[in-house]
C-alpha atoms as a PDB file:
ATOM      1  CA  MET A   1      -4.336 -16.719 -18.871  1.00  0.00           C
ATOM      2  CA  THR A   2      -3.452 -19.089 -16.038  1.00  0.00           C
ATOM      3  CA  GLY A   3      -3.187 -16.321 -13.449  1.00  0.00           C
ATOM      4  CA  ARG A   4       0.602 -16.135 -13.321  1.00  0.00           C
ATOM      5  CA  ILE A   5       1.815 -12.601 -12.620  1.00  0.00           C
ATOM      6  CA  LEU A   6       3.987 -11.424 -15.529  1.00  0.00           C
ATOM      7  CA  ALA A   7       4.854  -7.857 -14.512  1.00  0.00           C
ATOM      8  CA  TRP A   8       5.133  -5.908 -11.252  1.00  0.00           C
ATOM      9  CA  ASN A   9       6.029  -2.278 -10.762  1.00  0.00           C
ATOM     10  CA  PRO A  10       7.301  -0.251  -7.774  1.00  0.00           C
ATOM     11  CA  GLY A  11       3.792   1.093  -7.095  1.00  0.00           C
ATOM     12  CA  ALA A  12       2.439  -2.448  -6.772  1.00  0.00           C
ATOM     13  CA  ALA A  13       5.337  -3.372  -4.479  1.00  0.00           C
ATOM     14  CA  LYS A  14       4.511  -0.418  -2.236  1.00  0.00           C
ATOM     15  CA  MET A  15       0.761  -1.054  -2.272  1.00  0.00           C
ATOM     16  CA  TYR A  16       0.872  -4.804  -1.637  1.00  0.00           C
ATOM     17  CA  GLY A  17       4.209  -5.297   0.123  1.00  0.00           C
ATOM     18  CA  TRP A  18       5.698  -7.957  -2.157  1.00  0.00           C
ATOM     19  CA  SER A  19       8.910  -7.310  -4.060  1.00  0.00           C
ATOM     20  CA  GLU A  20       8.953  -7.792  -7.818  1.00  0.00           C
ATOM     21  CA  ALA A  21      10.777 -11.130  -7.441  1.00  0.00           C
ATOM     22  CA  GLU A  22       8.203 -12.371  -4.916  1.00  0.00           C
ATOM     23  CA  ALA A  23       5.235 -11.271  -7.039  1.00  0.00           C
ATOM     24  CA  LEU A  24       6.574 -12.831 -10.245  1.00  0.00           C
ATOM     25  CA  ALA A  25       6.652 -16.187  -8.449  1.00  0.00           C
ATOM     26  CA  MET A  26       2.962 -15.836  -7.497  1.00  0.00           C
ATOM     27  CA  ASN A  27      -0.423 -16.441  -9.082  1.00  0.00           C
ATOM     28  CA  ILE A  28      -3.093 -13.732  -8.955  1.00  0.00           C
ATOM     29  CA  ARG A  29      -5.253 -16.187  -6.964  1.00  0.00           C
ATOM     30  CA  ASP A  30      -2.754 -15.699  -4.110  1.00  0.00           C
ATOM     31  CA  MET A  31      -3.930 -12.088  -3.894  1.00  0.00           C
ATOM     32  CA  MET A  32      -7.662 -12.791  -3.889  1.00  0.00           C
ATOM     33  CA  PRO A  33      -9.789 -13.609  -0.866  1.00  0.00           C
ATOM     34  CA  LYS A  34      -9.953 -17.409  -0.772  1.00  0.00           C
ATOM     35  CA  ASN A  35     -13.745 -17.575  -0.541  1.00  0.00           C
ATOM     36  CA  ASP A  36     -14.358 -15.818  -3.874  1.00  0.00           C
ATOM     37  CA  ALA A  37     -11.209 -16.216  -5.990  1.00  0.00           C
ATOM     38  CA  GLU A  38     -12.878 -18.218  -8.755  1.00  0.00           C
ATOM     39  CA  GLN A  39     -15.841 -15.827  -8.934  1.00  0.00           C
ATOM     40  CA  ALA A  40     -13.446 -12.848  -9.044  1.00  0.00           C
ATOM     41  CA  LEU A  41     -11.432 -14.442 -11.865  1.00  0.00           C
ATOM     42  CA  ALA A  42     -14.622 -15.110 -13.816  1.00  0.00           C
ATOM     43  CA  LEU A  43     -15.576 -11.431 -13.450  1.00  0.00           C
ATOM     44  CA  VAL A  44     -12.154 -10.330 -14.733  1.00  0.00           C
ATOM     45  CA  ARG A  45     -12.504 -12.586 -17.781  1.00  0.00           C
ATOM     46  CA  GLU A  46     -16.057 -11.358 -18.390  1.00  0.00           C
ATOM     47  CA  LYS A  47     -14.964  -7.700 -18.241  1.00  0.00           C
ATOM     48  CA  CYS A  48     -12.139  -8.382 -20.714  1.00  0.00           C
ATOM     49  CA  GLU A  49     -14.395 -10.203 -23.149  1.00  0.00           C
ATOM     50  CA  ALA A  50     -16.882  -7.337 -23.022  1.00  0.00           C
ATOM     51  CA  GLY A  51     -14.103  -4.827 -23.641  1.00  0.00           C
ATOM     52  CA  ALA A  52     -15.296  -2.887 -20.603  1.00  0.00           C
ATOM     53  CA  LEU A  53     -12.771  -0.398 -19.297  1.00  0.00           C
ATOM     54  CA  GLU A  54     -14.907   0.825 -16.418  1.00  0.00           C
ATOM     55  CA  PRO A  55     -13.266   0.397 -13.015  1.00  0.00           C
ATOM     56  CA  TRP A  56     -14.878  -1.563 -10.222  1.00  0.00           C
ATOM     57  CA  GLN A  57     -13.960  -1.918  -6.590  1.00  0.00           C
ATOM     58  CA  THR A  58     -12.748  -5.161  -5.154  1.00  0.00           C
ATOM     59  CA  GLN A  59     -10.403  -6.511  -2.538  1.00  0.00           C
ATOM     60  CA  ARG A  60      -6.915  -7.958  -2.818  1.00  0.00           C
ATOM     61  CA  ILE A  61      -4.761  -9.525  -0.153  1.00  0.00           C
ATOM     62  CA  GLY A  62      -1.387  -7.922   0.536  1.00  0.00           C
ATOM     63  CA  LYS A  63       1.712  -9.415   2.097  1.00  0.00           C
ATOM     64  CA  GLY A  64       1.007 -10.666   5.585  1.00  0.00           C
ATOM     65  CA  GLY A  65      -2.673 -11.214   4.786  1.00  0.00           C
ATOM     66  CA  ARG A  66      -3.835  -7.601   5.053  1.00  0.00           C
ATOM     67  CA  ALA A  67      -6.881  -6.611   3.004  1.00  0.00           C
ATOM     68  CA  VAL A  68      -6.338  -3.915   0.372  1.00  0.00           C
ATOM     69  CA  GLN A  69      -9.377  -2.223  -1.168  1.00  0.00           C
ATOM     70  CA  VAL A  70      -8.667  -1.400  -4.821  1.00  0.00           C
ATOM     71  CA  SER A  71     -10.243   0.102  -7.881  1.00  0.00           C
ATOM     72  CA  LEU A  72      -9.495  -2.297 -10.721  1.00  0.00           C
ATOM     73  CA  VAL A  73      -9.508  -1.835 -14.499  1.00  0.00           C
ATOM     74  CA  VAL A  74      -8.640  -4.738 -16.801  1.00  0.00           C
ATOM     75  CA  SER A  75      -7.998  -5.071 -20.494  1.00  0.00           C
ATOM     76  CA  ALA A  76      -7.240  -8.022 -22.722  1.00  0.00           C
ATOM     77  CA  LEU A  77      -3.858  -8.261 -24.440  1.00  0.00           C
ATOM     78  CA  VAL A  78      -4.500  -9.676 -27.912  1.00  0.00           C
ATOM     79  CA  ASN A  79      -1.993 -11.175 -30.364  1.00  0.00           C
ATOM     80  CA  ASP A  80      -1.954 -10.715 -34.154  1.00  0.00           C
ATOM     81  CA  ALA A  81      -4.355 -13.644 -34.558  1.00  0.00           C
ATOM     82  CA  GLY A  82      -6.911 -11.879 -32.372  1.00  0.00           C
ATOM     83  CA  GLU A  83      -6.447 -14.276 -29.459  1.00  0.00           C
ATOM     84  CA  THR A  84      -6.277 -13.050 -25.873  1.00  0.00           C
ATOM     85  CA  TYR A  85      -2.978 -14.201 -24.381  1.00  0.00           C
ATOM     86  CA  ALA A  86      -2.933 -12.201 -21.138  1.00  0.00           C
ATOM     87  CA  ILE A  87      -4.913  -9.730 -19.066  1.00  0.00           C
ATOM     88  CA  ALA A  88      -3.441  -6.410 -17.994  1.00  0.00           C
ATOM     89  CA  SER A  89      -4.762  -4.794 -14.847  1.00  0.00           C
ATOM     90  CA  THR A  90      -4.377  -1.386 -13.291  1.00  0.00           C
ATOM     91  CA  GLU A  91      -5.068  -1.397  -9.586  1.00  0.00           C
ATOM     92  CA  ARG A  92      -5.271   1.668  -7.374  1.00  0.00           C
ATOM     93  CA  ARG A  93      -5.813   1.718  -3.640  1.00  0.00           C
ATOM     94  CA  VAL A  94      -9.262   2.993  -2.704  1.00  0.00           C
ATOM     95  CA  ASP A  95      -9.119   5.651  -0.014  1.00  0.00           C
ATOM     96  CA  GLU A  96     -11.421   4.779   2.896  1.00  0.00           C
ATOM     97  CA  LYS A  97     -13.114   8.206   2.696  1.00  0.00           C
ATOM     98  CA  LEU A  98     -13.878   7.690  -0.989  1.00  0.00           C
ATOM     99  CA  ARG A  99     -15.220   4.212  -0.319  1.00  0.00           C
ATOM    100  CA  ALA A 100     -17.564   5.621   2.297  1.00  0.00           C
ATOM    101  CA  GLY A 101     -18.759   8.273  -0.140  1.00  0.00           C
ATOM    102  CA  THR A 102     -17.214  11.098   1.893  1.00  0.00           C
ATOM    103  CA  PRO A 103     -15.946  14.026  -0.193  1.00  0.00           C
ATOM    104  CA  VAL A 104     -12.205  14.583   0.058  1.00  0.00           C
ATOM    105  CA  ALA A 105     -10.785  18.100  -0.083  1.00  0.00           C
END
């Protein structure tokens, strides 16, 4: 719950540019635009507490500082005592045509 990245898969490495070893040494704040990192983290926590599994679009920062538009879904990981101990996220790159509302064949 401190923002430390606990898992990284090959799709994330391809999408963001960081290897698994690099990502596991990072904090999720490193991937958020600096001007709204705390607000973005608060939204993630709020979505988890509400149990909402609806995706929303946001921005992450990839290796080298490039902006990556993503669709994000989060869920709380809960232990046997009912306490949230981590947040799992699924992030998918948002195609520019989809973001603009343009149908894709």
